[in-house]
Protein backbone atom coordinates (compact mmCIF):
# COMPACT_ATOMS: atom_id res chain seq x y z
CA MET A 1 21.61 6.62 -18.54
CA LYS A 2 18.14 5.30 -18.11
CA ASN A 3 17.23 4.73 -14.46
CA SER A 4 17.26 1.14 -13.64
CA ILE A 5 15.16 -0.20 -11.02
CA HIS A 6 13.97 -3.44 -9.40
CA GLN A 7 10.44 -4.40 -9.62
CA VAL A 8 8.76 -0.86 -10.54
CA ASN A 9 9.30 1.85 -12.80
CA PRO A 10 11.63 4.65 -12.30
CA LYS A 11 10.78 8.31 -11.37
CA THR A 12 11.80 11.47 -12.76
CA TRP A 13 14.18 13.98 -10.76
CA GLY A 14 15.00 17.59 -10.78
CA ALA A 15 18.39 19.60 -11.71
CA THR A 16 21.51 19.64 -9.42
CA ALA A 17 20.30 22.81 -7.61
CA ALA A 18 17.10 21.36 -6.81
CA ILE A 19 18.99 18.38 -5.39
CA GLY A 20 21.13 20.30 -3.14
CA ALA A 21 17.97 22.07 -1.73
CA ALA A 22 16.20 18.80 -0.97
CA LEU A 23 19.27 17.36 0.52
CA LEU A 24 19.47 20.51 3.01
CA LEU A 25 15.74 20.37 4.00
CA ALA A 26 15.80 16.51 4.34
CA VAL A 27 18.58 16.47 6.95
CA GLY A 28 15.73 16.51 9.66
CA LEU A 29 13.85 13.90 8.14
CA ALA A 30 13.46 10.27 9.11
CA GLN A 31 17.02 8.54 8.87
CA ALA A 32 17.82 4.90 7.58
CA GLN A 33 17.87 2.82 10.60
CA THR A 34 17.85 -0.85 11.62
CA ILE A 35 14.61 -2.17 12.64
CA TYR A 36 14.13 -4.73 14.99
CA ARG A 37 11.38 -7.63 14.95
CA VAL A 38 10.84 -8.54 18.73
CA VAL A 39 9.01 -11.84 19.60
CA GLY A 40 7.93 -11.49 23.13
CA ALA A 41 7.64 -14.48 25.68
CA ASP A 42 3.76 -14.37 25.08
CA GLY A 43 4.33 -14.85 21.26
CA LYS A 44 3.42 -11.00 20.46
CA VAL A 45 5.25 -9.64 17.73
CA THR A 46 6.23 -6.01 17.68
CA PHE A 47 8.73 -3.66 15.78
CA SER A 48 10.90 -1.19 16.83
CA ASP A 49 14.05 1.13 16.21
CA LYS A 50 15.61 0.07 19.46
CA PRO A 51 16.67 -3.52 20.47
CA PRO A 52 14.55 -5.16 23.35
CA VAL A 53 16.03 -4.16 26.59
CA ALA A 54 14.93 -7.41 28.12
CA ALA A 55 16.85 -9.36 25.45
CA ALA A 56 20.17 -11.02 26.88
CA ASN A 57 21.67 -11.88 23.24
CA VAL A 58 20.93 -8.29 21.72
CA SER A 59 23.79 -7.69 19.09
CA THR A 60 23.85 -3.96 17.94
CA THR A 61 24.04 -3.45 14.37
CA GLU A 62 25.36 -0.48 12.28
CA ALA A 63 22.46 2.07 11.53
CA GLY A 64 22.44 4.33 8.46
CA GLY A 65 24.16 7.12 10.27
CA LYS A 66 27.43 5.45 11.00
CA ALA A 67 29.92 4.34 8.24
CA MET A 68 32.78 3.65 10.57
CA SER A 69 33.37 0.46 12.44
CA ALA A 70 34.93 0.36 15.81
CA GLY A 71 38.81 0.22 15.49
CA GLY A 72 38.81 1.13 11.98
CA PRO A 73 40.89 3.80 10.08
CA ALA A 74 39.88 7.27 10.49
CA LEU A 75 38.44 8.79 7.47
CA PRO A 76 39.87 12.15 6.22
CA PHE A 77 38.14 15.19 8.18
CA GLU A 78 36.35 16.61 5.07
CA LEU A 79 34.74 13.06 4.33
CA ARG A 80 33.99 12.77 7.92
CA GLN A 81 32.01 15.97 7.99
CA VAL A 82 30.31 14.94 4.89
CA VAL A 83 29.49 11.59 6.36
CA SER A 84 27.97 12.79 9.59
CA LYS A 85 25.69 15.09 7.68
CA TYR A 86 24.71 13.01 4.79
CA PRO A 87 25.19 9.11 5.65
CA VAL A 88 24.50 7.17 2.73
CA THR A 89 22.50 3.70 3.21
CA LEU A 90 21.87 1.29 0.13
CA TYR A 91 19.20 -1.24 0.13
CA THR A 92 19.47 -4.25 -1.85
CA SER A 93 18.29 -7.81 -2.35
CA SER A 94 19.30 -11.00 -4.02
CA ASN A 95 19.21 -11.24 -7.57
CA CYS A 96 18.96 -7.58 -8.39
CA ALA A 97 21.09 -6.43 -11.22
CA PRO A 98 20.76 -2.62 -10.58
CA CYS A 99 21.38 -3.36 -6.84
CA GLY A 100 24.98 -4.43 -7.93
CA SER A 101 25.38 -1.53 -10.13
CA GLY A 102 24.56 0.95 -7.41
CA ARG A 103 26.86 -0.90 -4.96
CA ALA A 104 29.77 -0.89 -7.74
CA LEU A 105 29.44 2.82 -8.25
CA LEU A 106 29.52 3.76 -4.44
CA SER A 107 32.47 1.64 -3.99
CA SER A 108 34.41 2.69 -7.05
CA ARG A 109 33.93 6.20 -5.88
CA GLY A 110 34.91 5.65 -2.36
CA ILE A 111 31.63 6.59 -0.45
CA PRO A 112 31.29 5.13 2.66
CA PHE A 113 27.96 3.50 2.97
CA THR A 114 26.01 0.82 5.08
CA GLU A 115 23.89 -1.92 3.22
CA LYS A 116 20.83 -3.36 4.29
CA THR A 117 19.37 -6.44 2.60
CA VAL A 118 15.64 -6.82 1.85
CA ASN A 119 14.98 -10.70 1.61
CA THR A 120 12.19 -11.70 3.74
CA ALA A 121 8.41 -10.64 4.32
CA GLU A 122 9.48 -8.48 7.12
CA ASP A 123 12.20 -6.89 5.38
CA SER A 124 9.78 -5.83 2.82
CA ASP A 125 7.14 -4.53 5.13
CA ALA A 126 9.79 -2.36 6.85
CA LEU A 127 10.95 -1.18 3.46
CA GLN A 128 7.42 -0.26 2.69
CA ARG A 129 7.20 1.80 5.79
CA ILE A 130 10.52 3.65 5.04
CA SER A 131 10.09 4.55 1.44
CA GLY A 132 6.44 4.05 0.62
CA GLU A 133 7.11 1.30 -2.05
CA ASN A 134 9.22 -2.04 -2.57
CA SER A 135 11.34 -0.93 -5.44
CA LEU A 136 15.02 -1.54 -5.08
CA PRO A 137 17.81 -0.40 -5.15
CA PHE A 138 16.73 2.12 -2.77
CA LEU A 139 19.20 4.83 -1.55
CA THR A 140 19.26 7.31 1.18
CA ILE A 141 21.78 10.09 1.47
CA GLY A 142 21.11 11.77 4.73
CA GLY A 143 17.07 12.26 4.80
CA GLN A 144 16.98 12.17 0.84
CA GLN A 145 15.53 9.23 -0.92
CA ILE A 146 16.41 7.90 -4.28
CA LYS A 147 14.32 5.11 -5.67
CA GLY A 148 15.99 3.05 -8.59
CA PHE A 149 19.37 3.01 -9.83
CA SER A 150 20.94 5.85 -12.20
CA ASP A 151 24.56 6.57 -12.21
CA SER A 152 23.91 10.17 -13.28
CA GLU A 153 21.31 10.70 -10.97
CA TRP A 154 23.33 9.13 -7.95
CA THR A 155 26.21 10.97 -8.78
CA GLN A 156 24.26 14.62 -8.75
CA PHE A 157 23.11 13.80 -5.44
CA LEU A 158 26.44 12.54 -4.09
CA ASN A 159 28.11 15.67 -5.68
CA ALA A 160 25.23 18.00 -4.09
CA ALA A 161 25.91 16.40 -0.62
CA GLY A 162 29.63 16.98 -0.90
CA TYR A 163 31.17 13.53 -1.47
CA PRO A 164 34.64 13.78 -2.91
CA LYS A 165 34.44 12.98 -6.91
CA ALA A 166 37.23 10.24 -6.55
CA SER A 167 37.96 8.22 -3.70
CA VAL A 168 40.03 9.33 -0.70
CA LEU A 169 39.35 6.50 1.66
CA PRO A 170 42.25 4.92 3.38
CA SER A 171 43.38 1.84 1.88
CA ALA A 172 42.32 -0.37 4.84
CA TYR A 173 38.99 0.91 5.39
CA ARG A 174 36.05 -1.32 5.09
CA ASN A 175 32.18 -0.67 5.20
CA PRO A 176 30.28 -2.21 7.73
CA ALA A 177 29.13 -5.70 7.15
CA THR A 178 25.94 -6.09 5.26
CA THR A 179 23.11 -6.86 7.65
CA PRO A 180 19.33 -7.43 7.14
CA LEU A 181 16.92 -4.54 7.46
CA VAL A 182 14.82 -6.33 9.93
CA VAL A 183 16.92 -7.80 12.90
CA VAL A 184 14.85 -10.63 14.81
CA GLN A 185 15.70 -10.87 18.52
CA LYS A 186 13.88 -13.14 20.88
CA PRO A 187 13.95 -12.24 24.28
CA VAL A 188 14.79 -14.67 27.03
CA PRO A 189 11.39 -15.43 28.75
CA ALA A 190 11.34 -13.94 32.26
CA ALA A 191 10.39 -17.17 33.94
CA LYS A 192 13.45 -18.96 32.34
CA ALA A 193 15.73 -16.15 33.57
CA GLU A 194 14.36 -16.28 36.96
CA ALA A 195 14.78 -20.05 36.84
CA ASN A 196 18.30 -19.85 35.97
CA GLN A 197 19.12 -17.14 38.80
CA ASN A 198 17.30 -19.59 41.47
CA GLN A 199 19.30 -22.49 40.66
CA PRO A 200 21.40 -23.90 43.76
CA GLN A 201 25.07 -22.77 43.57
CA SER A 202 27.58 -25.79 43.94
CA PRO A 203 29.35 -25.39 47.25
CA ALA A 204 32.84 -24.29 47.07
CA PRO A 205 35.23 -27.31 47.73
CA SER A 206 36.45 -27.49 51.26
CA GLN A 207 40.08 -27.16 52.14
CA ALA A 208 41.77 -29.68 54.21
CA PRO A 209 42.78 -28.17 57.64
CA VAL A 210 46.27 -26.99 57.65
CA ASP A 211 48.40 -27.41 60.62
CA SER A 212 50.54 -24.34 61.71
CA PRO A 213 52.52 -23.84 64.78
CA SER A 214 50.05 -21.14 65.90
CA ASN A 215 47.12 -23.77 65.37
CA PRO A 216 48.42 -27.13 65.94
CA ALA A 217 44.97 -28.67 65.79
CA GLY A 218 44.12 -27.23 62.55
CA ILE A 219 40.95 -25.61 63.83
CA LYS A 220 38.82 -23.88 61.10
CA PHE A 221 36.07 -21.25 62.30
């Protein structure tokens, strides 16, 4: 099947043996990750692969290396081993037909994967830094990068990584929720946080003196 790609032309790839070697060599390369766009109190924008420490409302998102959500059903042992070595991340965008085809292939085969959307200028810039261009769909299997969709090519890479050819996922398994590639976090300004801490506390309601045989006057200390 001809390689389908959104925005740019496809590339030619090697044989299955070369794919297996490439996957082994790519384990130590850059992994897919969530990128945080941090807007500081002074308005300065920075990018990081770690959430801002000072942010009070930081919410963690699934990174490319994690395909299990907390409390979800456990993956079969062999599949879990493959996922830990070669996590799959799919990068998509709206109105991208090849992206839908790629998602359908992964889902029908029972591949646990994380999906990142590229819909904003910040997302596009981040994708450019990760893949070197803005073509979609973009797939990573461990450190191996695959640009554009081809069912035969994706199948070769997934086979070389050791993923089962038919789904062995538990029926209740669900992939992590789709998230934007760039997560914008706005830290709480230090001055505002300090002001909240310095606000006077309401005094606790006083209790009426209670008479008792040992304290007939109801004296309180």
